[in-house]
PDB file of N, CA and C in Angstrom:
ATOM      1  N   MET A   1     210.857  13.854 183.567  1.00  0.00           N
ATOM      2  CA  MET A   1     209.603  13.151 183.737  1.00  0.00           C
ATOM      3  C   MET A   1     209.083  12.714 182.376  1.00  0.00           C
ATOM      4  N   GLY A   2     208.393  11.590 182.351  1.00  0.00           N
ATOM      5  CA  GLY A   2     207.810  11.085 181.117  1.00  0.00           C
ATOM      6  C   GLY A   2     206.872   9.931 181.409  1.00  0.00           C
ATOM      7  N   ALA A   3     206.202   9.479 180.372  1.00  0.00           N
ATOM      8  CA  ALA A   3     205.267   8.360 180.486  1.00  0.00           C
ATOM      9  C   ALA A   3     205.122   7.704 179.123  1.00  0.00           C
ATOM     10  N   THR A   4     204.772   6.416 179.141  1.00  0.00           N
ATOM     11  CA  THR A   4     204.551   5.666 177.907  1.00  0.00           C
ATOM     12  C   THR A   4     203.283   4.851 178.037  1.00  0.00           C
ATOM     13  N   ALA A   5     202.534   4.756 176.950  1.00  0.00           N
ATOM     14  CA  ALA A   5     201.339   3.918 176.896  1.00  0.00           C
ATOM     15  C   ALA A   5     201.357   3.138 175.590  1.00  0.00           C
ATOM     16  N   CYS A   6     200.837   1.920 175.623  1.00  0.00           N
ATOM     17  CA  CYS A   6     200.660   1.124 174.417  1.00  0.00           C
ATOM     18  C   CYS A   6     199.187   1.225 174.031  1.00  0.00           C
ATOM     19  N   ILE A   7     198.929   1.561 172.765  1.00  0.00           N
ATOM     20  CA  ILE A   7     197.566   1.856 172.324  1.00  0.00           C
ATOM     21  C   ILE A   7     197.236   1.065 171.057  1.00  0.00           C
ATOM     22  N   VAL A   8     195.985   0.591 171.001  1.00  0.00           N
ATOM     23  CA  VAL A   8     195.405   0.023 169.786  1.00  0.00           C
ATOM     24  C   VAL A   8     194.097   0.757 169.561  1.00  0.00           C
ATOM     25  N   VAL A   9     193.929   1.306 168.372  1.00  0.00           N
ATOM     26  CA  VAL A   9     192.675   1.963 168.004  1.00  0.00           C
ATOM     27  C   VAL A   9     191.962   0.984 167.068  1.00  0.00           C
ATOM     28  N   SER A  10     191.054   0.197 167.639  1.00  0.00           N
ATOM     29  CA  SER A  10     190.441  -0.897 166.881  1.00  0.00           C
ATOM     30  C   SER A  10     189.678  -0.404 165.653  1.00  0.00           C
ATOM     31  N   SER A  11     189.025   0.732 165.742  1.00  0.00           N
ATOM     32  CA  SER A  11     188.290   1.236 164.574  1.00  0.00           C
ATOM     33  C   SER A  11     189.244   1.629 163.446  1.00  0.00           C
ATOM     34  N   PHE A  12     190.450   2.072 163.787  1.00  0.00           N
ATOM     35  CA  PHE A  12     191.451   2.388 162.767  1.00  0.00           C
ATOM     36  C   PHE A  12     191.916   1.101 162.097  1.00  0.00           C
ATOM     37  N   TRP A  13     192.214   0.083 162.889  1.00  0.00           N
ATOM     38  CA  TRP A  13     192.649  -1.204 162.341  1.00  0.00           C
ATOM     39  C   TRP A  13     191.567  -1.800 161.440  1.00  0.00           C
ATOM     40  N   ASP A  14     190.317  -1.678 161.846  1.00  0.00           N
ATOM     41  CA  ASP A  14     189.218  -2.222 161.038  1.00  0.00           C
ATOM     42  C   ASP A  14     189.165  -1.590 159.649  1.00  0.00           C
ATOM     43  N   ARG A  15     189.528  -0.332 159.539  1.00  0.00           N
ATOM     44  CA  ARG A  15     189.448   0.395 158.257  1.00  0.00           C
ATOM     45  C   ARG A  15     190.729   0.355 157.444  1.00  0.00           C
ATOM     46  N   PHE A  16     191.881   0.278 158.106  1.00  0.00           N
ATOM     47  CA  PHE A  16     193.166   0.446 157.404  1.00  0.00           C
ATOM     48  C   PHE A  16     194.125  -0.694 157.743  1.00  0.00           C
ATOM     49  N   GLN A  17     194.112  -1.736 156.928  1.00  0.00           N
ATOM     50  CA  GLN A  17     194.968  -2.896 157.194  1.00  0.00           C
ATOM     51  C   GLN A  17     196.026  -3.135 156.120  1.00  0.00           C
ATOM     52  N   ALA A  18     196.131  -2.274 155.134  1.00  0.00           N
ATOM     53  CA  ALA A  18     197.139  -2.459 154.086  1.00  0.00           C
ATOM     54  C   ALA A  18     198.528  -2.091 154.604  1.00  0.00           C
ATOM     55  N   GLU A  19     199.533  -2.693 153.982  1.00  0.00           N
ATOM     56  CA  GLU A  19     200.916  -2.402 154.363  1.00  0.00           C
ATOM     57  C   GLU A  19     201.179  -0.904 154.311  1.00  0.00           C
ATOM     58  N   GLY A  20     201.746  -0.369 155.376  1.00  0.00           N
ATOM     59  CA  GLY A  20     202.077   1.053 155.432  1.00  0.00           C
ATOM     60  C   GLY A  20     200.963   1.949 155.928  1.00  0.00           C
ATOM     61  N   ASN A  21     199.737   1.405 156.090  1.00  0.00           N
ATOM     62  CA  ASN A  21     198.630   2.252 156.551  1.00  0.00           C
ATOM     63  C   ASN A  21     198.838   2.806 157.961  1.00  0.00           C
ATOM     64  N   TRP A  22     199.695   2.187 158.746  1.00  0.00           N
ATOM     65  CA  TRP A  22     199.998   2.696 160.080  1.00  0.00           C
ATOM     66  C   TRP A  22     200.508   4.137 160.006  1.00  0.00           C
ATOM     67  N   GLN A  23     201.083   4.523 158.868  1.00  0.00           N
ATOM     68  CA  GLN A  23     201.629   5.867 158.719  1.00  0.00           C
ATOM     69  C   GLN A  23     200.552   6.942 158.792  1.00  0.00           C
ATOM     70  N   LYS A  24     199.330   6.616 158.396  1.00  0.00           N
ATOM     71  CA  LYS A  24     198.226   7.585 158.511  1.00  0.00           C
ATOM     72  C   LYS A  24     198.061   8.012 159.972  1.00  0.00           C
ATOM     73  N   MET A  25     198.028   7.026 160.878  1.00  0.00           N
ATOM     74  CA  MET A  25     197.898   7.319 162.303  1.00  0.00           C
ATOM     75  C   MET A  25     199.130   8.062 162.816  1.00  0.00           C
ATOM     76  N   ALA A  26     200.302   7.639 162.378  1.00  0.00           N
ATOM     77  CA  ALA A  26     201.546   8.275 162.827  1.00  0.00           C
ATOM     78  C   ALA A  26     201.567   9.759 162.467  1.00  0.00           C
ATOM     79  N   TRP A  27     201.211  10.093 161.230  1.00  0.00           N
ATOM     80  CA  TRP A  27     201.240  11.498 160.812  1.00  0.00           C
ATOM     81  C   TRP A  27     200.144  12.303 161.488  1.00  0.00           C
ATOM     82  N   TRP A  28     198.983  11.688 161.743  1.00  0.00           N
ATOM     83  CA  TRP A  28     197.923  12.412 162.452  1.00  0.00           C
ATOM     84  C   TRP A  28     198.409  12.783 163.855  1.00  0.00           C
ATOM     85  N   ILE A  29     198.989  11.822 164.557  1.00  0.00           N
ATOM     86  CA  ILE A  29     199.520  12.091 165.898  1.00  0.00           C
ATOM     87  C   ILE A  29     200.602  13.165 165.829  1.00  0.00           C
ATOM     88  N   HIS A  30     201.489  13.050 164.866  1.00  0.00           N
ATOM     89  CA  HIS A  30     202.580  14.021 164.709  1.00  0.00           C
ATOM     90  C   HIS A  30     202.029  15.442 164.553  1.00  0.00           C
ATOM     91  N   ASP A  31     200.962  15.576 163.787  1.00  0.00           N
ATOM     92  CA  ASP A  31     200.381  16.903 163.529  1.00  0.00           C
ATOM     93  C   ASP A  31     199.505  17.426 164.663  1.00  0.00           C
ATOM     94  N   HIS A  32     199.038  16.562 165.579  1.00  0.00           N
ATOM     95  CA  HIS A  32     198.043  16.987 166.560  1.00  0.00           C
ATOM     96  C   HIS A  32     198.418  16.828 168.043  1.00  0.00           C
ATOM     97  N   LEU A  33     199.343  15.952 168.367  1.00  0.00           N
ATOM     98  CA  LEU A  33     199.607  15.654 169.783  1.00  0.00           C
ATOM     99  C   LEU A  33     201.048  15.967 170.185  1.00  0.00           C
ATOM    100  N   PRO A  34     201.245  16.334 171.441  1.00  0.00           N
ATOM    101  CA  PRO A  34     202.594  16.640 171.932  1.00  0.00           C
ATOM    102  C   PRO A  34     203.323  15.375 172.401  1.00  0.00           C
ATOM    103  N   TYR A  35     203.650  14.490 171.484  1.00  0.00           N
ATOM    104  CA  TYR A  35     204.325  13.238 171.824  1.00  0.00           C
ATOM    105  C   TYR A  35     205.843  13.453 171.839  1.00  0.00           C
ATOM    106  N   SER A  36     206.545  12.483 172.406  1.00  0.00           N
ATOM    107  CA  SER A  36     208.000  12.487 172.322  1.00  0.00           C
ATOM    108  C   SER A  36     208.476  11.435 171.325  1.00  0.00           C
ATOM    109  N   GLU A  37     207.988  10.187 171.497  1.00  0.00           N
ATOM    110  CA  GLU A  37     208.366   9.114 170.588  1.00  0.00           C
ATOM    111  C   GLU A  37     207.160   8.236 170.295  1.00  0.00           C
ATOM    112  N   LEU A  38     207.122   7.691 169.087  1.00  0.00           N
ATOM    113  CA  LEU A  38     206.121   6.710 168.680  1.00  0.00           C
ATOM    114  C   LEU A  38     206.851   5.503 168.114  1.00  0.00           C
ATOM    115  N   GLN A  39     206.387   4.305 168.482  1.00  0.00           N
ATOM    116  CA  GLN A  39     206.896   3.069 167.895  1.00  0.00           C
ATOM    117  C   GLN A  39     205.687   2.246 167.470  1.00  0.00           C
ATOM    118  N   PHE A  40     205.609   1.911 166.180  1.00  0.00           N
ATOM    119  CA  PHE A  40     204.483   1.166 165.626  1.00  0.00           C
ATOM    120  C   PHE A  40     204.850  -0.295 165.425  1.00  0.00           C
ATOM    121  N   TYR A  41     203.849  -1.177 165.641  1.00  0.00           N
ATOM    122  CA  TYR A  41     204.023  -2.621 165.561  1.00  0.00           C
ATOM    123  C   TYR A  41     203.022  -3.221 164.578  1.00  0.00           C
ATOM    124  N   PRO A  42     203.330  -4.397 164.006  1.00  0.00           N
ATOM    125  CA  PRO A  42     202.468  -4.957 162.974  1.00  0.00           C
ATOM    126  C   PRO A  42     201.111  -5.458 163.472  1.00  0.00           C
ATOM    127  N   ARG A  43     201.012  -5.902 164.678  1.00  0.00           N
ATOM    128  CA  ARG A  43     199.738  -6.460 165.156  1.00  0.00           C
ATOM    129  C   ARG A  43     198.777  -5.326 165.516  1.00  0.00           C
ATOM    130  N   TYR A  44     197.725  -5.202 164.753  1.00  0.00           N
ATOM    131  CA  TYR A  44     196.663  -4.197 164.947  1.00  0.00           C
ATOM    132  C   TYR A  44     197.169  -2.765 164.854  1.00  0.00           C
ATOM    133  N   TRP A  45     198.347  -2.544 164.268  1.00  0.00           N
ATOM    134  CA  TRP A  45     198.988  -1.222 164.226  1.00  0.00           C
ATOM    135  C   TRP A  45     199.113  -0.659 165.649  1.00  0.00           C
ATOM    136  N   ALA A  46     199.326  -1.538 166.603  1.00  0.00           N
ATOM    137  CA  ALA A  46     199.551  -1.094 167.977  1.00  0.00           C
ATOM    138  C   ALA A  46     200.755  -0.155 167.994  1.00  0.00           C
ATOM    139  N   PHE A  47     200.719   0.807 168.898  1.00  0.00           N
ATOM    140  CA  PHE A  47     201.858   1.706 168.998  1.00  0.00           C
ATOM    141  C   PHE A  47     202.091   2.126 170.439  1.00  0.00           C
ATOM    142  N   ASN A  48     203.354   2.351 170.748  1.00  0.00           N
ATOM    143  CA  ASN A  48     203.743   2.966 172.007  1.00  0.00           C
ATOM    144  C   ASN A  48     203.849   4.460 171.759  1.00  0.00           C
ATOM    145  N   ILE A  49     203.240   5.222 172.624  1.00  0.00           N
ATOM    146  CA  ILE A  49     203.375   6.676 172.552  1.00  0.00           C
ATOM    147  C   ILE A  49     204.023   7.126 173.856  1.00  0.00           C
ATOM    148  N   THR A  50     205.066   7.898 173.722  1.00  0.00           N
ATOM    149  CA  THR A  50     205.817   8.385 174.873  1.00  0.00           C
ATOM    150  C   THR A  50     205.701   9.898 174.944  1.00  0.00           C
ATOM    151  N   TRP A  51     205.471  10.380 176.137  1.00  0.00           N
ATOM    152  CA  TRP A  51     205.471  11.811 176.409  1.00  0.00           C
ATOM    153  C   TRP A  51     206.672  12.092 177.299  1.00  0.00           C
ATOM    154  N   SER A  52     207.309  13.225 177.094  1.00  0.00           N
ATOM    155  CA  SER A  52     208.456  13.617 177.896  1.00  0.00           C
ATOM    156  C   SER A  52     208.496  15.132 178.025  1.00  0.00           C
ATOM    157  N   GLU A  53     209.046  15.604 179.134  1.00  0.00           N
ATOM    158  CA  GLU A  53     209.233  17.048 179.300  1.00  0.00           C
ATOM    159  C   GLU A  53     210.175  17.603 178.239  1.00  0.00           C
ATOM    160  N   LYS A  54     211.061  16.758 177.738  1.00  0.00           N
ATOM    161  CA  LYS A  54     211.987  17.140 176.670  1.00  0.00           C
ATOM    162  C   LYS A  54     211.721  16.225 175.475  1.00  0.00           C
ATOM    163  N   PRO A  55     210.686  16.529 174.680  1.00  0.00           N
ATOM    164  CA  PRO A  55     210.280  15.621 173.601  1.00  0.00           C
ATOM    165  C   PRO A  55     211.318  15.495 172.490  1.00  0.00           C
ATOM    166  N   ILE A  56     211.412  14.277 171.972  1.00  0.00           N
ATOM    167  CA  ILE A  56     212.313  13.984 170.860  1.00  0.00           C
ATOM    168  C   ILE A  56     211.595  14.197 169.526  1.00  0.00           C
ATOM    169  N   ARG A  57     210.305  13.830 169.465  1.00  0.00           N
ATOM    170  CA  ARG A  57     209.469  13.928 168.248  1.00  0.00           C
ATOM    171  C   ARG A  57     210.019  13.024 167.146  1.00  0.00           C
ATOM    172  N   ARG A  58     210.113  11.735 167.478  1.00  0.00           N
ATOM    173  CA  ARG A  58     210.637  10.726 166.553  1.00  0.00           C
ATOM    174  C   ARG A  58     209.607   9.613 166.399  1.00  0.00           C
ATOM    175  N   ILE A  59     209.454   9.119 165.160  1.00  0.00           N
ATOM    176  CA  ILE A  59     208.533   8.024 164.873  1.00  0.00           C
ATOM    177  C   ILE A  59     209.316   6.878 164.236  1.00  0.00           C
ATOM    178  N   ASP A  60     209.203   5.684 164.853  1.00  0.00           N
ATOM    179  CA  ASP A  60     209.858   4.483 164.333  1.00  0.00           C
ATOM    180  C   ASP A  60     208.823   3.390 164.121  1.00  0.00           C
ATOM    181  N   SER A  61     209.163   2.436 163.250  1.00  0.00           N
ATOM    182  CA  SER A  61     208.255   1.346 162.938  1.00  0.00           C
ATOM    183  C   SER A  61     208.966   0.004 162.996  1.00  0.00           C
ATOM    184  N   PHE A  62     208.255  -0.977 163.553  1.00  0.00           N
ATOM    185  CA  PHE A  62     208.710  -2.364 163.549  1.00  0.00           C
ATOM    186  C   PHE A  62     207.826  -3.176 162.608  1.00  0.00           C
ATOM    187  N   THR A  63     207.073  -2.476 161.773  1.00  0.00           N
ATOM    188  CA  THR A  63     206.258  -3.077 160.727  1.00  0.00           C
ATOM    189  C   THR A  63     206.654  -2.450 159.393  1.00  0.00           C
ATOM    190  N   LYS A  64     206.180  -3.013 158.301  1.00  0.00           N
ATOM    191  CA  LYS A  64     206.598  -2.520 156.982  1.00  0.00           C
ATOM    192  C   LYS A  64     205.955  -1.187 156.643  1.00  0.00           C
ATOM    193  N   PRO A  65     206.682  -0.242 156.126  1.00  0.00           N
ATOM    194  CA  PRO A  65     208.141  -0.226 156.056  1.00  0.00           C
ATOM    195  C   PRO A  65     208.742   0.033 157.438  1.00  0.00           C
ATOM    196  N   THR A  66     209.817  -0.651 157.741  1.00  0.00           N
ATOM    197  CA  THR A  66     210.454  -0.530 159.045  1.00  0.00           C
ATOM    198  C   THR A  66     211.429   0.636 159.071  1.00  0.00           C
ATOM    199  N   GLY A  67     211.797   1.021 160.287  1.00  0.00           N
ATOM    200  CA  GLY A  67     212.789   2.070 160.451  1.00  0.00           C
ATOM    201  C   GLY A  67     212.187   3.381 160.916  1.00  0.00           C
ATOM    202  N   CYS A  68     212.909   4.441 160.704  1.00  0.00           N
ATOM    203  CA  CYS A  68     212.517   5.773 161.157  1.00  0.00           C
ATOM    204  C   CYS A  68     211.668   6.470 160.098  1.00  0.00           C
ATOM    205  N   LEU A  69     210.448   6.855 160.483  1.00  0.00           N
ATOM    206  CA  LEU A  69     209.580   7.610 159.579  1.00  0.00           C
ATOM    207  C   LEU A  69     209.973   9.086 159.580  1.00  0.00           C
ATOM    208  N   THR A  70     210.216   9.619 160.775  1.00  0.00           N
ATOM    209  CA  THR A  70     210.646  11.010 160.874  1.00  0.00           C
ATOM    210  C   THR A  70     211.328  11.252 162.218  1.00  0.00           C
ATOM    211  N   LYS A  71     212.160  12.264 162.229  1.00  0.00           N
ATOM    212  CA  LYS A  71     212.835  12.733 163.440  1.00  0.00           C
ATOM    213  C   LYS A  71     213.316  14.136 163.140  1.00  0.00           C
ATOM    214  N   PRO A  72     213.657  14.911 164.163  1.00  0.00           N
ATOM    215  CA  PRO A  72     214.165  16.253 163.912  1.00  0.00           C
ATOM    216  C   PRO A  72     215.350  16.207 162.953  1.00  0.00           C
ATOM    217  N   GLY A  73     215.334  17.145 162.027  1.00  0.00           N
ATOM    218  CA  GLY A  73     216.394  17.218 161.039  1.00  0.00           C
ATOM    219  C   GLY A  73     216.035  16.591 159.699  1.00  0.00           C
ATOM    220  N   MET A  74     215.025  15.705 159.695  1.00  0.00           N
ATOM    221  CA  MET A  74     214.580  15.121 158.429  1.00  0.00           C
ATOM    222  C   MET A  74     213.670  16.119 157.720  1.00  0.00           C
ATOM    223  N   GLU A  75     213.746  16.138 156.417  1.00  0.00           N
ATOM    224  CA  GLU A  75     212.978  17.088 155.616  1.00  0.00           C
ATOM    225  C   GLU A  75     211.480  16.974 155.853  1.00  0.00           C
ATOM    226  N   ASN A  76     210.973  15.765 156.102  1.00  0.00           N
ATOM    227  CA  ASN A  76     209.539  15.569 156.276  1.00  0.00           C
ATOM    228  C   ASN A  76     209.033  15.868 157.692  1.00  0.00           C
ATOM    229  N   HIS A  77     209.895  16.334 158.569  1.00  0.00           N
ATOM    230  CA  HIS A  77     209.527  16.519 159.978  1.00  0.00           C
ATOM    231  C   HIS A  77     208.637  17.735 160.222  1.00  0.00           C
ATOM    232  N   VAL A  78     208.782  18.778 159.471  1.00  0.00           N
ATOM    233  CA  VAL A  78     208.044  20.024 159.726  1.00  0.00           C
ATOM    234  C   VAL A  78     206.884  20.189 158.747  1.00  0.00           C
ATOM    235  N   GLY A  79     205.970  21.054 159.123  1.00  0.00           N
ATOM    236  CA  GLY A  79     204.830  21.360 158.259  1.00  0.00           C
ATOM    237  C   GLY A  79     203.669  20.415 158.484  1.00  0.00           C
ATOM    238  N   SER A  80     202.606  20.649 157.749  1.00  0.00           N
ATOM    239  CA  SER A  80     201.404  19.826 157.838  1.00  0.00           C
ATOM    240  C   SER A  80     201.564  18.560 156.993  1.00  0.00           C
ATOM    241  N   HIS A  81     201.008  17.479 157.502  1.00  0.00           N
ATOM    242  CA  HIS A  81     201.028  16.201 156.795  1.00  0.00           C
ATOM    243  C   HIS A  81     199.604  15.736 156.506  1.00  0.00           C
ATOM    244  N   GLU A  82     198.679  16.684 156.460  1.00  0.00           N
ATOM    245  CA  GLU A  82     197.266  16.348 156.305  1.00  0.00           C
ATOM    246  C   GLU A  82     196.996  15.483 155.073  1.00  0.00           C
ATOM    247  N   HIS A  83     197.719  15.725 154.003  1.00  0.00           N
ATOM    248  CA  HIS A  83     197.507  14.918 152.798  1.00  0.00           C
ATOM    249  C   HIS A  83     197.850  13.437 153.023  1.00  0.00           C
ATOM    250  N   LEU A  84     198.619  13.142 154.055  1.00  0.00           N
ATOM    251  CA  LEU A  84     199.006  11.754 154.361  1.00  0.00           C
ATOM    252  C   LEU A  84     198.027  11.069 155.306  1.00  0.00           C
ATOM    253  N   TRP A  85     197.269  11.833 156.083  1.00  0.00           N
ATOM    254  CA  TRP A  85     196.313  11.224 157.007  1.00  0.00           C
ATOM    255  C   TRP A  85     194.858  11.574 156.696  1.00  0.00           C
ATOM    256  N   ALA A  86     194.610  12.370 155.676  1.00  0.00           N
ATOM    257  CA  ALA A  86     193.241  12.741 155.317  1.00  0.00           C
ATOM    258  C   ALA A  86     192.383  11.487 155.148  1.00  0.00           C
ATOM    259  N   GLY A  87     191.175  11.542 155.649  1.00  0.00           N
ATOM    260  CA  GLY A  87     190.252  10.428 155.500  1.00  0.00           C
ATOM    261  C   GLY A  87     190.204   9.467 156.675  1.00  0.00           C
ATOM    262  N   ILE A  88     191.004   9.696 157.715  1.00  0.00           N
ATOM    263  CA  ILE A  88     190.951   8.760 158.845  1.00  0.00           C
ATOM    264  C   ILE A  88     189.919   9.166 159.895  1.00  0.00           C
ATOM    265  N   ARG A  89     189.331  10.316 159.760  1.00  0.00           N
ATOM    266  CA  ARG A  89     188.332  10.746 160.765  1.00  0.00           C
ATOM    267  C   ARG A  89     187.046  10.038 160.599  1.00  0.00           C
TER     268      ARG A  89
END
């Protein structure tokens, strides 16, 4: 079982429009929510968030920088990433 939603957080876009700022949202979600996969897009930092009974915990981007931000086995996958998302509240 699983589900996917496409989300835009307009207040986040209003504050963070520089290249790579989508990563702040990605790391916040990674540290706080039980997601399976995230895919970020350049328009409004829209993202697909997927939940699954067997989560993958992978973040990919179709905006700059593109590619995989993290996945199991990558050094940056574990631990707190607060220093990367601090200030978005």
